[in-house]
């Protein structure tokens, strides 16, 4: 079964072949058919969509497999697996575009999983897949047009080979073809790169908000440190939430999919998706108390044992996360983004558990990215393995 290649964590796994997939993580797909409860879930938001079709696993296998790339069907979805000759492996879930695993080769000849992924039962009994590396973006204009968020990625091309690097190119377009996206995932011997190219064919300027979120697996935040952020400017916000982020139990009062839309943090990440009937609950109150907290990072070896949710507005393009429990380190860098997000659930949870991770994001939240008519924006990130 494909679960062994899709998820490489110590978290609870269950069979996802027998559970109907919903738009909790694959909305309005060009590969996946709609189901009844997925339509109900998206009644709260206005999202442009395109007609969907079932995934054609046989076509992908015949057309794109080879040179280190293989495909495997999982329920109504598909896993694209990239494997280098040195043993580094990355897997992407289609059509959501979620990178679920990155096994990096180590100096001792083995490999170590660097990403943290969780599979659980969603609010409607469907499979809720969270963590890994995910894209969370929203596009809108100043005249109040319908927002669009890209979630339905189509495999467009595969390049490279297992010796030097393997590149998978995914594409996505809004229903009126005014916003085009290209998502390029590249696996190298010592790195995993995620690059995004956005083109604006509208006659009006576009604003883009959102993030590339990374869940980095650690033994526990108690043993984890961020190296290289000294003298960076930051501000504290309520935790970012999306359908892919793993939220600790105390980060909100609601569970499942509704939690995404009833969060005050959503106003920052997807401002036009926030529900109009949002209540003044404890989450909103906690945000009010922390939004104005800003400062300068004073520690070059920052401990991550406490629960934090920080946006760095002036930080180096790259820094290192060190896990002393696993005796492992990983470097994360960005280009095109001016802001960086750092979240730790804190060390109050069991080690090597569902919440043993650090979330690092390359984001545009406080300052949206502006795309003029006809403009093309490029940005991305890398996860570098320095342990070879």
Protein backbone atom coordinates (compact mmCIF):
# COMPACT_ATOMS: atom_id res chain seq x y z
CA UNK A 1 0.00 0.00 0.00
CA UNK A 2 1.17 3.55 -0.72
CA UNK A 3 0.99 4.77 2.85
CA UNK A 4 4.60 3.75 3.46
CA UNK A 5 5.80 6.20 0.84
CA UNK A 6 3.23 8.90 1.53
CA UNK A 7 3.71 9.37 5.26
CA UNK A 8 6.94 8.77 7.12
CA UNK A 9 6.13 9.91 10.66
CA UNK A 10 5.33 8.27 13.95
CA UNK A 11 1.79 9.63 13.89
CA UNK A 12 -1.43 7.63 13.86
CA UNK A 13 -2.30 6.36 10.37
CA UNK A 14 -5.44 4.75 9.14
CA UNK A 15 -6.61 3.41 5.81
CA UNK A 16 -7.61 6.24 3.51
CA UNK A 17 -8.75 4.06 0.66
CA UNK A 18 -12.11 3.46 2.31
CA UNK A 19 -12.79 7.05 3.34
CA UNK A 20 -14.33 9.52 0.85
CA UNK A 21 -11.95 12.38 0.18
CA UNK A 22 -13.41 15.84 0.58
CA UNK A 23 -12.45 19.40 -0.04
CA UNK A 24 -10.82 19.54 3.35
CA UNK A 25 -7.57 19.21 1.43
CA UNK A 26 -8.47 18.82 -2.26
CA UNK A 27 -11.22 21.31 -3.17
CA UNK A 28 -12.66 21.67 -6.68
CA UNK A 29 -9.99 19.50 -8.23
CA UNK A 30 -9.34 19.05 -11.91
CA UNK A 31 -8.63 15.44 -10.96
CA UNK A 32 -11.22 14.63 -8.30
CA UNK A 33 -14.98 14.59 -8.57
CA UNK A 34 -17.15 16.67 -6.26
CA UNK A 35 -19.00 15.02 -3.42
CA UNK A 36 -22.06 16.20 -1.55
CA UNK A 37 -20.53 17.25 1.75
CA UNK A 38 -17.63 19.08 0.09
CA UNK A 39 -20.14 21.43 -1.54
CA UNK A 40 -21.68 22.15 1.84
CA UNK A 41 -18.31 23.02 3.34
CA UNK A 42 -17.52 25.68 0.76
CA UNK A 43 -20.87 27.41 1.09
CA UNK A 44 -19.23 29.87 3.48
CA UNK A 45 -16.76 31.27 0.97
CA UNK A 46 -16.68 32.46 -2.63
CA UNK A 47 -14.01 30.55 -4.49
CA UNK A 48 -13.74 30.38 -8.26
CA UNK A 49 -13.63 26.80 -9.47
CA UNK A 50 -13.34 24.80 -12.68
CA UNK A 51 -15.06 21.56 -13.74
CA UNK A 52 -13.37 18.54 -12.17
CA UNK A 53 -12.42 15.17 -13.59
CA UNK A 54 -11.31 11.93 -11.96
CA UNK A 55 -7.58 11.45 -11.70
CA UNK A 56 -6.05 9.44 -14.53
CA UNK A 57 -3.37 7.49 -12.70
CA UNK A 58 -2.53 5.28 -15.70
CA UNK A 59 -1.88 8.31 -17.88
CA UNK A 60 0.47 9.88 -15.34
CA UNK A 61 2.37 6.62 -14.94
CA UNK A 62 2.74 6.13 -18.69
CA UNK A 63 3.52 9.73 -19.58
CA UNK A 64 5.77 10.94 -16.75
CA UNK A 65 7.32 8.00 -14.88
CA UNK A 66 11.03 7.22 -15.19
CA UNK A 67 14.35 8.87 -14.31
CA UNK A 68 13.62 8.60 -10.60
CA UNK A 69 9.90 9.48 -10.72
CA UNK A 70 7.13 6.97 -9.98
CA UNK A 71 3.40 7.25 -9.32
CA UNK A 72 1.08 5.34 -7.04
CA UNK A 73 -2.67 5.66 -6.63
CA UNK A 74 -4.15 6.24 -3.16
CA UNK A 75 -7.94 6.28 -3.14
CA UNK A 76 -9.01 9.07 -5.49
CA UNK A 77 -5.62 10.78 -5.29
CA UNK A 78 -2.14 10.02 -6.50
CA UNK A 79 1.36 10.08 -5.05
CA UNK A 80 4.24 11.38 -7.15
CA UNK A 81 7.51 10.04 -5.74
CA UNK A 82 10.93 11.48 -6.57
CA UNK A 83 13.98 9.42 -5.60
CA UNK A 84 17.62 10.36 -6.05
CA UNK A 85 20.36 7.77 -6.42
CA UNK A 86 21.95 8.96 -3.17
CA UNK A 87 18.76 7.92 -1.32
CA UNK A 88 16.96 11.25 -0.91
CA UNK A 89 13.21 10.88 -1.49
CA UNK A 90 10.31 13.34 -1.69
CA UNK A 91 6.61 12.62 -2.24
CA UNK A 92 3.85 14.95 -3.47
CA UNK A 93 0.13 14.31 -3.11
CA UNK A 94 -1.87 15.19 -6.22
CA UNK A 95 -3.92 17.21 -6.90
CA UNK A 96 -3.52 19.12 -3.61
CA UNK A 97 0.21 19.73 -4.22
CA UNK A 98 0.99 18.90 -0.59
CA UNK A 99 4.56 17.64 -0.13
CA UNK A 100 4.02 14.91 2.43
CA UNK A 101 7.55 13.58 2.90
CA UNK A 102 11.19 14.51 2.44
CA UNK A 103 13.63 11.78 3.45
CA UNK A 104 17.10 13.28 3.35
CA UNK A 105 20.27 11.23 3.03
CA UNK A 106 22.69 11.46 5.92
CA UNK A 107 26.47 11.22 6.27
CA UNK A 108 26.17 7.81 7.96
CA UNK A 109 24.52 6.28 4.89
CA UNK A 110 20.92 6.21 6.14
CA UNK A 111 18.12 8.73 5.70
CA UNK A 112 16.06 10.90 8.05
CA UNK A 113 12.53 12.24 7.58
CA UNK A 114 12.60 16.05 7.78
CA UNK A 115 8.88 16.80 7.32
CA UNK A 116 6.07 16.24 9.78
CA UNK A 117 2.73 14.97 8.42
CA UNK A 118 -0.44 13.94 10.22
CA UNK A 119 -3.42 11.89 9.02
CA UNK A 120 -6.59 12.04 11.09
CA UNK A 121 -10.33 11.83 10.71
CA UNK A 122 -11.93 15.09 9.63
CA UNK A 123 -15.12 16.68 10.85
CA UNK A 124 -17.22 14.84 8.27
CA UNK A 125 -15.50 11.46 8.62
CA UNK A 126 -13.11 12.10 5.75
CA UNK A 127 -9.32 11.89 5.75
CA UNK A 128 -7.71 15.08 7.02
CA UNK A 129 -4.09 15.28 5.83
CA UNK A 130 -2.03 18.07 7.35
CA UNK A 131 1.58 19.17 7.73
CA UNK A 132 4.38 18.73 5.21
CA UNK A 133 5.00 21.59 2.80
CA UNK A 134 1.86 23.37 1.62
CA UNK A 135 0.87 26.39 -0.45
CA UNK A 136 -1.78 28.71 0.99
CA UNK A 137 -2.49 31.73 -1.22
CA UNK A 138 -5.40 34.01 -2.02
CA UNK A 139 -5.80 36.55 -4.82
CA UNK A 140 -8.15 39.52 -4.98
CA UNK A 141 -8.51 43.02 -6.40
CA UNK A 142 -9.38 46.30 -4.75
CA UNK A 143 -12.80 46.38 -6.41
CA UNK A 144 -14.06 43.42 -4.43
CA UNK A 145 -14.03 40.73 -7.09
CA UNK A 146 -14.43 37.07 -6.14
CA UNK A 147 -11.35 35.73 -4.40
CA UNK A 148 -9.54 32.68 -5.73
CA UNK A 149 -7.28 30.28 -3.92
CA UNK A 150 -5.23 27.69 -5.87
CA UNK A 151 -5.71 24.16 -4.58
CA UNK A 152 -6.13 22.04 -7.73
CA UNK A 153 -2.72 21.39 -9.22
CA UNK A 154 -2.25 19.62 -12.55
CA UNK A 155 0.99 17.82 -13.37
CA UNK A 156 2.49 19.59 -16.38
CA UNK A 157 6.03 18.34 -16.78
CA UNK A 158 8.83 16.26 -15.25
CA UNK A 159 12.50 17.05 -15.87
CA UNK A 160 15.93 15.92 -14.75
CA UNK A 161 17.23 12.59 -13.56
CA UNK A 162 18.06 10.73 -10.37
CA UNK A 163 21.76 11.59 -10.61
CA UNK A 164 21.68 15.40 -10.36
CA UNK A 165 18.14 16.68 -9.67
CA UNK A 166 14.48 15.85 -10.35
CA UNK A 167 11.94 18.57 -11.10
CA UNK A 168 8.15 18.25 -11.07
CA UNK A 169 6.17 21.15 -12.53
CA UNK A 170 2.55 21.72 -11.53
CA UNK A 171 0.22 24.34 -13.01
CA UNK A 172 -3.00 26.00 -11.94
CA UNK A 173 -5.25 28.71 -13.38
CA UNK A 174 -8.27 30.63 -12.19
CA UNK A 175 -11.54 29.78 -13.94
CA UNK A 176 -11.39 32.93 -16.08
CA UNK A 177 -7.70 32.37 -16.96
CA UNK A 178 -6.67 35.74 -15.53
CA UNK A 179 -4.33 34.34 -12.88
CA UNK A 180 -1.83 31.64 -13.80
CA UNK A 181 0.45 29.74 -11.45
CA UNK A 182 3.38 27.43 -11.92
CA UNK A 183 4.64 25.43 -8.96
CA UNK A 184 8.03 23.78 -9.39
CA UNK A 185 9.26 21.25 -6.85
CA UNK A 186 12.92 20.26 -7.25
CA UNK A 187 14.65 17.47 -5.37
CA UNK A 188 18.43 17.62 -5.25
CA UNK A 189 20.95 15.42 -3.48
CA UNK A 190 20.99 17.77 -0.49
CA UNK A 191 17.93 20.02 -0.87
CA UNK A 192 14.22 20.27 -1.60
CA UNK A 193 13.18 23.47 -3.41
CA UNK A 194 9.67 24.91 -3.85
CA UNK A 195 9.30 27.70 -6.41
CA UNK A 196 6.16 29.62 -7.36
CA UNK A 197 5.61 31.70 -10.50
CA UNK A 198 2.47 33.88 -10.64
CA UNK A 199 1.27 35.77 -13.73
CA UNK A 200 -1.48 38.42 -13.79
CA UNK A 201 -3.42 38.64 -17.04
CA UNK A 202 -6.11 40.87 -15.56
CA UNK A 203 -6.54 44.51 -16.50
CA UNK A 204 -6.46 45.36 -12.80
CA UNK A 205 -3.70 45.05 -10.20
CA UNK A 206 -3.84 41.93 -8.04
CA UNK A 207 -3.00 41.47 -4.40
CA UNK A 208 -1.57 38.14 -3.26
CA UNK A 209 -1.53 37.06 0.37
CA UNK A 210 -0.57 33.72 1.84
CA UNK A 211 2.35 31.46 2.57
CA UNK A 212 4.49 28.44 1.88
CA UNK A 213 4.28 26.54 5.18
CA UNK A 214 6.78 23.90 6.30
CA UNK A 215 6.22 21.48 9.16
CA UNK A 216 9.69 20.36 10.23
CA UNK A 217 9.65 17.27 12.42
CA UNK A 218 11.60 17.44 15.68
CA UNK A 219 11.94 15.29 18.77
CA UNK A 220 10.33 18.06 20.84
CA UNK A 221 10.43 21.88 20.73
CA UNK A 222 12.18 21.61 24.11
CA UNK A 223 15.32 20.42 22.31
CA UNK A 224 14.98 22.67 19.25
CA UNK A 225 16.69 25.98 18.50
CA UNK A 226 16.66 28.56 15.70
CA UNK A 227 20.15 29.67 14.74
CA UNK A 228 20.83 32.91 12.85
CA UNK A 229 17.88 35.20 13.68
CA UNK A 230 19.68 37.59 16.01
CA UNK A 231 18.78 41.29 15.46
CA UNK A 232 15.80 40.37 13.26
CA UNK A 233 12.62 42.40 13.72
CA UNK A 234 9.44 40.51 14.55
CA UNK A 235 5.85 40.93 15.68
CA UNK A 236 3.60 38.45 17.46
CA UNK A 237 0.30 37.37 15.91
CA UNK A 238 -2.33 34.71 16.50
CA UNK A 239 -1.34 31.37 14.94
CA UNK A 240 -1.91 31.16 11.19
CA UNK A 241 -4.49 28.58 10.22
CA UNK A 242 -5.18 26.80 6.95
CA UNK A 243 -6.53 23.42 5.92
CA UNK A 244 -2.98 22.02 6.05
CA UNK A 245 -1.55 23.39 9.29
CA UNK A 246 -1.44 21.17 12.38
CA UNK A 247 -3.03 23.16 15.21
CA UNK A 248 -2.43 22.20 18.85
CA UNK A 249 -5.60 21.51 20.87
CA UNK A 250 -5.47 24.79 22.78
CA UNK A 251 -5.14 27.00 19.68
CA UNK A 252 -8.92 27.28 19.21
CA UNK A 253 -12.29 26.13 20.46
CA UNK A 254 -13.57 24.50 17.29
CA UNK A 255 -12.35 21.37 15.54
CA UNK A 256 -12.15 20.31 11.92
CA UNK A 257 -12.84 22.34 8.83
CA UNK A 258 -15.02 25.02 10.48
CA UNK A 259 -12.06 26.04 12.61
CA UNK A 260 -10.34 27.36 9.51
CA UNK A 261 -13.07 29.85 8.71
CA UNK A 262 -13.92 30.99 12.24
CA UNK A 263 -10.39 32.08 13.11
CA UNK A 264 -9.44 35.71 13.63
CA UNK A 265 -6.01 34.90 12.17
CA UNK A 266 -7.79 34.12 8.91
CA UNK A 267 -8.41 37.82 8.41
CA UNK A 268 -4.69 38.22 7.87
CA UNK A 269 -4.00 35.20 5.71
CA UNK A 270 -7.24 35.16 3.66
CA UNK A 271 -8.98 38.46 4.49
CA UNK A 272 -11.90 37.95 2.10
CA UNK A 273 -12.58 34.43 3.32
CA UNK A 274 -13.34 35.38 6.93
CA UNK A 275 -16.90 34.72 8.00
CA UNK A 276 -19.09 37.73 8.64
CA UNK A 277 -20.64 36.26 11.77
CA UNK A 278 -17.34 35.74 13.58
CA UNK A 279 -17.81 35.73 17.34
CA UNK A 280 -15.70 37.61 19.86
CA UNK A 281 -14.31 34.42 21.35
CA UNK A 282 -11.14 33.70 23.25
CA UNK A 283 -9.08 33.27 20.10
CA UNK A 284 -9.94 36.76 18.94
CA UNK A 285 -9.23 38.12 22.37
CA UNK A 286 -5.83 36.49 22.50
CA UNK A 287 -4.94 37.98 19.13
CA UNK A 288 -5.91 41.46 20.28
CA UNK A 289 -3.52 41.07 23.15
CA UNK A 290 -0.57 39.98 21.03
CA UNK A 291 -0.87 41.77 17.69
CA UNK A 292 0.91 44.86 18.95
CA UNK A 293 3.80 42.94 20.48
CA UNK A 294 6.91 43.66 18.45
CA UNK A 295 10.59 43.59 19.09
CA UNK A 296 14.06 42.67 17.99
CA UNK A 297 15.42 39.15 18.32
CA UNK A 298 18.22 39.17 20.88
CA UNK A 299 19.19 35.50 20.86
CA UNK A 300 21.23 34.02 18.02
CA UNK A 301 20.53 30.55 19.46
CA UNK A 302 16.79 30.98 20.02
CA UNK A 303 15.11 28.24 22.11
CA UNK A 304 11.72 27.13 20.78
CA UNK A 305 10.39 25.41 23.91
CA UNK A 306 7.71 28.06 24.48
CA UNK A 307 4.63 28.43 22.32
CA UNK A 308 5.32 31.25 19.83
CA UNK A 309 3.73 32.65 16.68
CA UNK A 310 5.99 35.28 15.14
CA UNK A 311 6.20 37.13 11.84
CA UNK A 312 9.74 38.30 11.09
CA UNK A 313 9.62 41.43 8.94
CA UNK A 314 13.37 41.89 8.73
CA UNK A 315 15.31 38.63 8.87
CA UNK A 316 18.10 36.86 7.00
CA UNK A 317 17.18 35.00 3.84
CA UNK A 318 18.14 31.76 5.53
CA UNK A 319 18.53 30.32 9.02
CA UNK A 320 19.06 26.91 10.65
CA UNK A 321 16.81 24.79 12.87
CA UNK A 322 18.80 22.54 15.23
CA UNK A 323 17.20 19.58 16.99
CA UNK A 324 19.49 18.35 19.75
CA UNK A 325 17.18 15.43 20.51
CA UNK A 326 17.56 13.94 17.03
CA UNK A 327 21.09 15.32 16.61
CA UNK A 328 19.98 16.82 13.35
CA UNK A 329 19.83 20.22 11.68
CA UNK A 330 18.12 21.69 8.64
CA UNK A 331 18.49 25.04 6.89
CA UNK A 332 15.51 26.93 5.50
CA UNK A 333 15.80 29.85 3.08
CA UNK A 334 13.59 32.01 0.89
CA UNK A 335 13.56 34.30 -2.12
CA UNK A 336 10.90 36.75 -3.29
CA UNK A 337 9.22 36.91 0.12
CA UNK A 338 9.88 39.75 2.57
CA UNK A 339 8.33 38.09 5.60
CA UNK A 340 9.08 34.87 7.46
CA UNK A 341 6.80 33.01 9.88
CA UNK A 342 7.95 30.94 12.84
CA UNK A 343 5.54 28.90 14.95
CA UNK A 344 6.23 26.49 17.80
CA UNK A 345 3.43 24.58 19.56
CA UNK A 346 5.59 24.49 22.67
CA UNK A 347 7.11 21.60 24.56
CA UNK A 348 4.09 20.68 26.70
CA UNK A 349 3.23 17.78 24.37
CA UNK A 350 4.69 14.29 24.34
CA UNK A 351 8.00 13.94 22.51
CA UNK A 352 7.88 12.47 19.00
CA UNK A 353 4.11 13.07 19.00
CA UNK A 354 1.70 14.73 16.56
CA UNK A 355 2.78 18.12 17.89
CA UNK A 356 6.54 17.49 17.80
CA UNK A 357 7.23 19.95 14.98
CA UNK A 358 8.29 23.50 14.16
CA UNK A 359 6.39 25.41 11.49
CA UNK A 360 8.41 27.75 9.27
CA UNK A 361 6.66 29.79 6.60
CA UNK A 362 7.65 32.11 3.79
CA UNK A 363 4.75 34.54 3.85
CA UNK A 364 3.07 37.69 2.59
CA UNK A 365 0.60 38.64 5.31
CA UNK A 366 1.35 42.03 6.82
CA UNK A 367 2.35 43.35 3.41
CA UNK A 368 0.52 41.72 0.44
CA UNK A 369 2.42 41.17 -2.80
CA UNK A 370 1.24 43.51 -5.57
CA UNK A 371 1.03 42.26 -9.18
CA UNK A 372 0.40 44.89 -11.84
CA UNK A 373 -1.47 43.93 -15.05
CA UNK A 374 0.78 41.71 -17.17
CA UNK A 375 3.30 41.27 -14.36
CA UNK A 376 4.97 38.01 -13.34
CA UNK A 377 6.10 37.38 -9.76
CA UNK A 378 8.54 34.67 -8.71
CA UNK A 379 9.35 33.47 -5.24
CA UNK A 380 10.07 30.32 -3.31
CA UNK A 381 12.09 28.57 -0.68
CA UNK A 382 14.53 25.76 -0.07
CA UNK A 383 15.03 23.15 2.62
CA UNK A 384 18.71 22.30 2.73
CA UNK A 385 20.14 19.19 4.32
CA UNK A 386 23.64 20.02 5.64
CA UNK A 387 24.20 16.53 7.05
CA UNK A 388 25.81 14.82 4.05
